[in-house]
Amino acid sequence: MNHKRVERLWRREGLKVPKKQPKRGRLWLNDGSCVRLRPLYRDHVWNCGFMAERTRDGRAFRLLTIIDEYSRECLSIDVARKLTSEDVLDRLMQLFVDRGLPAHIRSDNGPEFVA
């Protein structure tokens, strides 16, 4: 059944019909001031992030990934048991020398990026 028929049956039975909730846009504030930056060309927006995994014996390791959002090219993957803010800065500096400076870098608020 579609939603109109369900609402009609609810009203006939005297039930309260819930209001339809609006779709929520991604990364928007109530006043619409925050808009997600869309990449327009290569090396415009890079995305830096961490992933965590475990080996069979239960030991954890982390992956630092840096991706060009326009071309979806993976610029770097660093794997180590422990990755610090110094490791992130070293990798970014190396990429700046090799590929040039991006216009924007997007990252989460992890401890490596805060430091």
N, C-alpha and C. Protein backbone atom coordinates (compact mmCIF):
# COMPACT_ATOMS: atom_id res chain seq x y z
N MET A 1 0.84 -1.19 0.00
CA MET A 1 0.00 0.00 0.00
C MET A 1 0.88 1.24 0.00
N ASN A 2 0.38 2.27 -0.64
CA ASN A 2 1.16 3.51 -0.61
C ASN A 2 0.77 4.35 0.60
N HIS A 3 1.52 5.41 0.84
CA HIS A 3 1.36 6.21 2.06
C HIS A 3 0.02 6.93 2.09
N LYS A 4 -0.56 7.30 0.94
CA LYS A 4 -1.83 8.02 0.94
C LYS A 4 -2.96 7.14 1.45
N ARG A 5 -2.94 5.88 1.06
CA ARG A 5 -3.98 4.96 1.52
C ARG A 5 -3.86 4.70 3.02
N VAL A 6 -2.63 4.55 3.48
CA VAL A 6 -2.41 4.33 4.91
C VAL A 6 -2.90 5.53 5.71
N GLU A 7 -2.57 6.73 5.25
CA GLU A 7 -3.02 7.93 5.95
C GLU A 7 -4.54 8.03 5.96
N ARG A 8 -5.19 7.68 4.87
CA ARG A 8 -6.66 7.72 4.81
C ARG A 8 -7.27 6.74 5.80
N LEU A 9 -6.69 5.53 5.91
CA LEU A 9 -7.19 4.54 6.86
C LEU A 9 -6.96 5.00 8.29
N TRP A 10 -5.82 5.62 8.55
CA TRP A 10 -5.55 6.12 9.90
C TRP A 10 -6.58 7.18 10.28
N ARG A 11 -6.88 8.10 9.37
CA ARG A 11 -7.84 9.16 9.67
C ARG A 11 -9.23 8.57 9.90
N ARG A 12 -9.59 7.57 9.11
CA ARG A 12 -10.90 6.94 9.26
C ARG A 12 -11.04 6.30 10.64
N GLU A 13 -9.95 5.76 11.16
CA GLU A 13 -9.98 5.12 12.48
C GLU A 13 -9.77 6.12 13.61
N GLY A 14 -9.57 7.40 13.27
CA GLY A 14 -9.40 8.42 14.29
C GLY A 14 -8.00 8.49 14.86
N LEU A 15 -7.02 7.92 14.17
CA LEU A 15 -5.64 7.97 14.62
C LEU A 15 -4.95 9.23 14.12
N LYS A 16 -3.94 9.65 14.85
CA LYS A 16 -3.19 10.82 14.46
C LYS A 16 -2.17 10.43 13.38
N VAL A 17 -2.18 11.15 12.28
CA VAL A 17 -1.27 10.88 11.18
C VAL A 17 0.01 11.69 11.41
N PRO A 18 1.18 11.01 11.51
CA PRO A 18 2.43 11.76 11.74
C PRO A 18 2.78 12.62 10.53
N LYS A 19 3.36 13.78 10.81
CA LYS A 19 3.78 14.66 9.73
C LYS A 19 5.00 14.07 9.04
N LYS A 20 5.09 14.30 7.76
CA LYS A 20 6.24 13.82 7.00
C LYS A 20 7.46 14.64 7.38
N GLN A 21 8.56 13.97 7.74
CA GLN A 21 9.76 14.68 8.13
C GLN A 21 10.57 15.04 6.88
N PRO A 22 11.10 16.26 6.86
CA PRO A 22 11.89 16.66 5.69
C PRO A 22 13.21 15.90 5.62
N LYS A 23 13.69 15.70 4.40
CA LYS A 23 14.99 15.07 4.22
C LYS A 23 16.06 16.02 4.70
N ARG A 24 17.06 15.48 5.33
CA ARG A 24 18.12 16.32 5.86
C ARG A 24 19.31 16.29 4.91
N GLY A 25 19.75 17.47 4.54
CA GLY A 25 20.91 17.58 3.67
C GLY A 25 22.18 17.26 4.43
N ARG A 26 23.18 16.84 3.72
CA ARG A 26 24.43 16.47 4.36
C ARG A 26 25.25 17.72 4.69
N LEU A 27 25.70 17.80 5.93
CA LEU A 27 26.56 18.87 6.41
C LEU A 27 25.94 20.26 6.25
N TRP A 28 24.64 20.37 6.52
CA TRP A 28 23.98 21.66 6.50
C TRP A 28 23.58 22.03 7.90
N LEU A 29 23.72 23.29 8.25
CA LEU A 29 23.19 23.80 9.50
C LEU A 29 21.78 24.32 9.26
N ASN A 30 21.08 24.67 10.32
CA ASN A 30 19.71 25.16 10.17
C ASN A 30 19.62 26.42 9.32
N ASP A 31 20.63 27.27 9.39
CA ASP A 31 20.60 28.49 8.60
C ASP A 31 21.21 28.31 7.21
N GLY A 32 21.66 27.09 6.89
CA GLY A 32 22.22 26.81 5.57
C GLY A 32 23.61 27.37 5.36
N SER A 33 24.34 27.66 6.43
CA SER A 33 25.62 28.32 6.28
C SER A 33 26.77 27.37 5.97
N CYS A 34 26.62 26.09 6.20
CA CYS A 34 27.72 25.15 5.97
C CYS A 34 27.41 24.31 4.73
N VAL A 35 28.18 24.49 3.69
CA VAL A 35 27.98 23.75 2.45
C VAL A 35 29.22 22.91 2.19
N ARG A 36 29.02 21.65 1.84
CA ARG A 36 30.15 20.77 1.57
C ARG A 36 30.82 21.19 0.27
N LEU A 37 32.13 21.37 0.33
CA LEU A 37 32.89 21.80 -0.83
C LEU A 37 33.00 20.65 -1.83
N ARG A 38 32.60 20.90 -3.05
CA ARG A 38 32.70 19.89 -4.11
C ARG A 38 34.00 20.10 -4.88
N PRO A 39 34.76 19.03 -5.09
CA PRO A 39 36.00 19.19 -5.87
C PRO A 39 35.69 19.50 -7.33
N LEU A 40 36.44 20.44 -7.90
CA LEU A 40 36.20 20.87 -9.27
C LEU A 40 37.27 20.41 -10.25
N TYR A 41 38.45 20.06 -9.74
CA TYR A 41 39.55 19.64 -10.60
C TYR A 41 40.53 18.83 -9.77
N ARG A 42 41.51 18.21 -10.44
CA ARG A 42 42.51 17.41 -9.73
C ARG A 42 43.28 18.28 -8.75
N ASP A 43 43.59 17.70 -7.61
CA ASP A 43 44.34 18.36 -6.55
C ASP A 43 43.61 19.59 -5.98
N HIS A 44 42.29 19.63 -6.12
CA HIS A 44 41.51 20.70 -5.52
C HIS A 44 41.21 20.37 -4.06
N VAL A 45 40.69 19.16 -3.79
CA VAL A 45 40.35 18.73 -2.44
C VAL A 45 40.96 17.36 -2.18
N TRP A 46 41.77 17.27 -1.14
CA TRP A 46 42.31 15.99 -0.68
C TRP A 46 41.58 15.60 0.60
N ASN A 47 41.40 14.30 0.78
CA ASN A 47 40.74 13.77 1.97
C ASN A 47 41.75 12.92 2.73
N CYS A 48 41.95 13.21 4.01
CA CYS A 48 42.86 12.45 4.86
C CYS A 48 42.05 11.75 5.93
N GLY A 49 42.32 10.48 6.13
CA GLY A 49 41.58 9.76 7.15
C GLY A 49 42.33 8.54 7.64
N PHE A 50 41.88 8.03 8.78
CA PHE A 50 42.48 6.85 9.38
C PHE A 50 41.50 5.69 9.39
N MET A 51 42.05 4.50 9.27
CA MET A 51 41.29 3.27 9.46
C MET A 51 42.08 2.41 10.43
N ALA A 52 41.37 1.60 11.19
CA ALA A 52 42.03 0.72 12.16
C ALA A 52 41.59 -0.72 11.90
N GLU A 53 42.51 -1.63 12.02
CA GLU A 53 42.24 -3.07 11.84
C GLU A 53 43.06 -3.85 12.84
N ARG A 54 42.81 -5.15 12.86
CA ARG A 54 43.57 -6.05 13.73
C ARG A 54 44.05 -7.24 12.92
N THR A 55 45.22 -7.75 13.31
CA THR A 55 45.75 -8.95 12.68
C THR A 55 45.11 -10.17 13.33
N ARG A 56 45.44 -11.35 12.83
CA ARG A 56 44.86 -12.58 13.40
C ARG A 56 45.17 -12.76 14.88
N ASP A 57 46.36 -12.32 15.27
CA ASP A 57 46.74 -12.49 16.67
C ASP A 57 46.17 -11.38 17.57
N GLY A 58 45.37 -10.47 17.03
CA GLY A 58 44.70 -9.46 17.83
C GLY A 58 45.43 -8.14 17.96
N ARG A 59 46.59 -8.01 17.36
CA ARG A 59 47.35 -6.76 17.45
C ARG A 59 46.79 -5.74 16.46
N ALA A 60 46.63 -4.52 16.92
CA ALA A 60 46.03 -3.48 16.11
C ALA A 60 47.07 -2.81 15.21
N PHE A 61 46.61 -2.34 14.06
CA PHE A 61 47.42 -1.49 13.20
C PHE A 61 46.50 -0.46 12.56
N ARG A 62 47.10 0.63 12.09
CA ARG A 62 46.33 1.73 11.53
C ARG A 62 46.79 2.04 10.12
N LEU A 63 45.87 2.59 9.34
CA LEU A 63 46.16 2.99 7.97
C LEU A 63 45.84 4.47 7.81
N LEU A 64 46.77 5.23 7.31
CA LEU A 64 46.54 6.63 6.94
C LEU A 64 46.32 6.66 5.44
N THR A 65 45.15 7.12 5.01
CA THR A 65 44.85 7.20 3.58
C THR A 65 44.68 8.66 3.19
N ILE A 66 45.24 9.03 2.06
CA ILE A 66 45.09 10.36 1.50
C ILE A 66 44.57 10.18 0.08
N ILE A 67 43.41 10.77 -0.21
CA ILE A 67 42.72 10.55 -1.47
C ILE A 67 42.42 11.88 -2.14
N ASP A 68 42.61 11.94 -3.45
CA ASP A 68 42.18 13.09 -4.24
C ASP A 68 40.70 12.88 -4.54
N GLU A 69 39.83 13.76 -4.04
CA GLU A 69 38.39 13.54 -4.15
C GLU A 69 37.87 13.69 -5.57
N TYR A 70 38.51 14.48 -6.41
CA TYR A 70 38.02 14.66 -7.77
C TYR A 70 38.26 13.41 -8.62
N SER A 71 39.49 12.94 -8.63
CA SER A 71 39.83 11.79 -9.47
C SER A 71 39.66 10.46 -8.75
N ARG A 72 39.39 10.49 -7.44
CA ARG A 72 39.27 9.30 -6.60
C ARG A 72 40.57 8.49 -6.58
N GLU A 73 41.65 9.18 -6.82
CA GLU A 73 42.97 8.53 -6.82
C GLU A 73 43.50 8.48 -5.39
N CYS A 74 44.02 7.33 -5.02
CA CYS A 74 44.63 7.19 -3.70
C CYS A 74 46.07 7.69 -3.81
N LEU A 75 46.36 8.77 -3.13
CA LEU A 75 47.68 9.37 -3.21
C LEU A 75 48.67 8.67 -2.30
N SER A 76 48.18 8.14 -1.16
CA SER A 76 49.09 7.52 -0.21
C SER A 76 48.32 6.64 0.75
N ILE A 77 48.91 5.51 1.10
CA ILE A 77 48.43 4.66 2.18
C ILE A 77 49.64 4.31 3.03
N ASP A 78 49.63 4.72 4.27
CA ASP A 78 50.70 4.39 5.22
C ASP A 78 50.14 3.44 6.25
N VAL A 79 50.85 2.35 6.47
CA VAL A 79 50.41 1.34 7.43
C VAL A 79 51.46 1.21 8.52
N ALA A 80 51.01 1.25 9.78
CA ALA A 80 51.93 1.11 10.90
C ALA A 80 51.14 0.73 12.15
N ARG A 81 51.85 0.20 13.13
CA ARG A 81 51.21 -0.10 14.41
C ARG A 81 50.80 1.18 15.12
N LYS A 82 51.61 2.22 14.93
CA LYS A 82 51.33 3.49 15.59
C LYS A 82 51.64 4.61 14.60
N LEU A 83 50.66 5.46 14.33
CA LEU A 83 50.85 6.61 13.46
C LEU A 83 50.62 7.87 14.29
N THR A 84 51.59 8.76 14.28
CA THR A 84 51.51 9.98 15.07
C THR A 84 51.26 11.19 14.17
N SER A 85 51.11 12.33 14.79
CA SER A 85 50.92 13.56 14.01
C SER A 85 52.16 13.87 13.18
N GLU A 86 53.33 13.49 13.68
CA GLU A 86 54.58 13.69 12.91
C GLU A 86 54.55 12.86 11.63
N ASP A 87 54.03 11.64 11.71
CA ASP A 87 53.92 10.80 10.51
C ASP A 87 52.99 11.43 9.48
N VAL A 88 51.89 11.99 9.96
CA VAL A 88 50.94 12.65 9.05
C VAL A 88 51.60 13.85 8.38
N LEU A 89 52.29 14.67 9.15
CA LEU A 89 52.95 15.85 8.59
C LEU A 89 54.04 15.45 7.59
N ASP A 90 54.81 14.42 7.90
CA ASP A 90 55.85 13.96 6.97
C ASP A 90 55.26 13.51 5.65
N ARG A 91 54.18 12.74 5.71
CA ARG A 91 53.55 12.24 4.48
C ARG A 91 52.96 13.40 3.68
N LEU A 92 52.31 14.35 4.35
CA LEU A 92 51.74 15.48 3.62
C LEU A 92 52.83 16.33 2.98
N MET A 93 53.92 16.55 3.68
CA MET A 93 55.03 17.33 3.11
C MET A 93 55.61 16.65 1.88
N GLN A 94 55.73 15.34 1.95
CA GLN A 94 56.25 14.60 0.79
C GLN A 94 55.30 14.72 -0.40
N LEU A 95 53.98 14.64 -0.14
CA LEU A 95 53.01 14.79 -1.23
C LEU A 95 52.98 16.22 -1.78
N PHE A 96 53.19 17.22 -0.91
CA PHE A 96 53.24 18.60 -1.38
C PHE A 96 54.40 18.80 -2.34
N VAL A 97 55.54 18.17 -2.03
CA VAL A 97 56.71 18.29 -2.90
C VAL A 97 56.46 17.55 -4.22
N ASP A 98 55.87 16.36 -4.14
CA ASP A 98 55.67 15.54 -5.35
C ASP A 98 54.55 16.07 -6.25
N ARG A 99 53.43 16.50 -5.66
CA ARG A 99 52.25 16.84 -6.45
C ARG A 99 51.85 18.31 -6.40
N GLY A 100 52.43 19.07 -5.52
CA GLY A 100 52.03 20.47 -5.36
C GLY A 100 50.99 20.59 -4.25
N LEU A 101 50.64 21.82 -3.93
CA LEU A 101 49.70 22.08 -2.84
C LEU A 101 48.27 21.94 -3.31
N PRO A 102 47.42 21.26 -2.56
CA PRO A 102 45.99 21.24 -2.89
C PRO A 102 45.34 22.53 -2.42
N ALA A 103 44.19 22.84 -2.98
CA ALA A 103 43.47 24.03 -2.54
C ALA A 103 42.87 23.82 -1.15
N HIS A 104 42.40 22.59 -0.87
CA HIS A 104 41.77 22.29 0.42
C HIS A 104 42.16 20.88 0.85
N ILE A 105 42.22 20.68 2.17
CA ILE A 105 42.43 19.35 2.74
C ILE A 105 41.29 19.10 3.72
N ARG A 106 40.57 18.00 3.54
CA ARG A 106 39.46 17.64 4.42
C ARG A 106 39.90 16.49 5.31
N SER A 107 39.60 16.59 6.61
CA SER A 107 39.95 15.52 7.54
C SER A 107 38.93 15.48 8.66
N ASP A 108 38.98 14.41 9.44
CA ASP A 108 38.13 14.33 10.61
C ASP A 108 38.83 15.04 11.78
N ASN A 109 38.26 14.99 12.94
CA ASN A 109 38.84 15.66 14.10
C ASN A 109 39.59 14.69 15.00
N GLY A 110 40.31 13.76 14.40
CA GLY A 110 41.07 12.78 15.17
C GLY A 110 42.24 13.43 15.89
N PRO A 111 42.82 12.70 16.87
CA PRO A 111 43.91 13.27 17.65
C PRO A 111 45.16 13.57 16.81
N GLU A 112 45.37 12.83 15.74
CA GLU A 112 46.54 13.07 14.91
C GLU A 112 46.42 14.39 14.17
N PHE A 113 45.21 14.77 13.80
CA PHE A 113 45.00 16.01 13.05
C PHE A 113 44.89 17.20 14.01
N VAL A 114 44.41 16.97 15.20
CA VAL A 114 44.31 18.06 16.18
C VAL A 114 45.71 18.48 16.62
N ALA A 115 46.60 17.50 16.80
CA ALA A 115 47.96 17.82 17.23
C ALA A 115 48.67 18.55 16.10
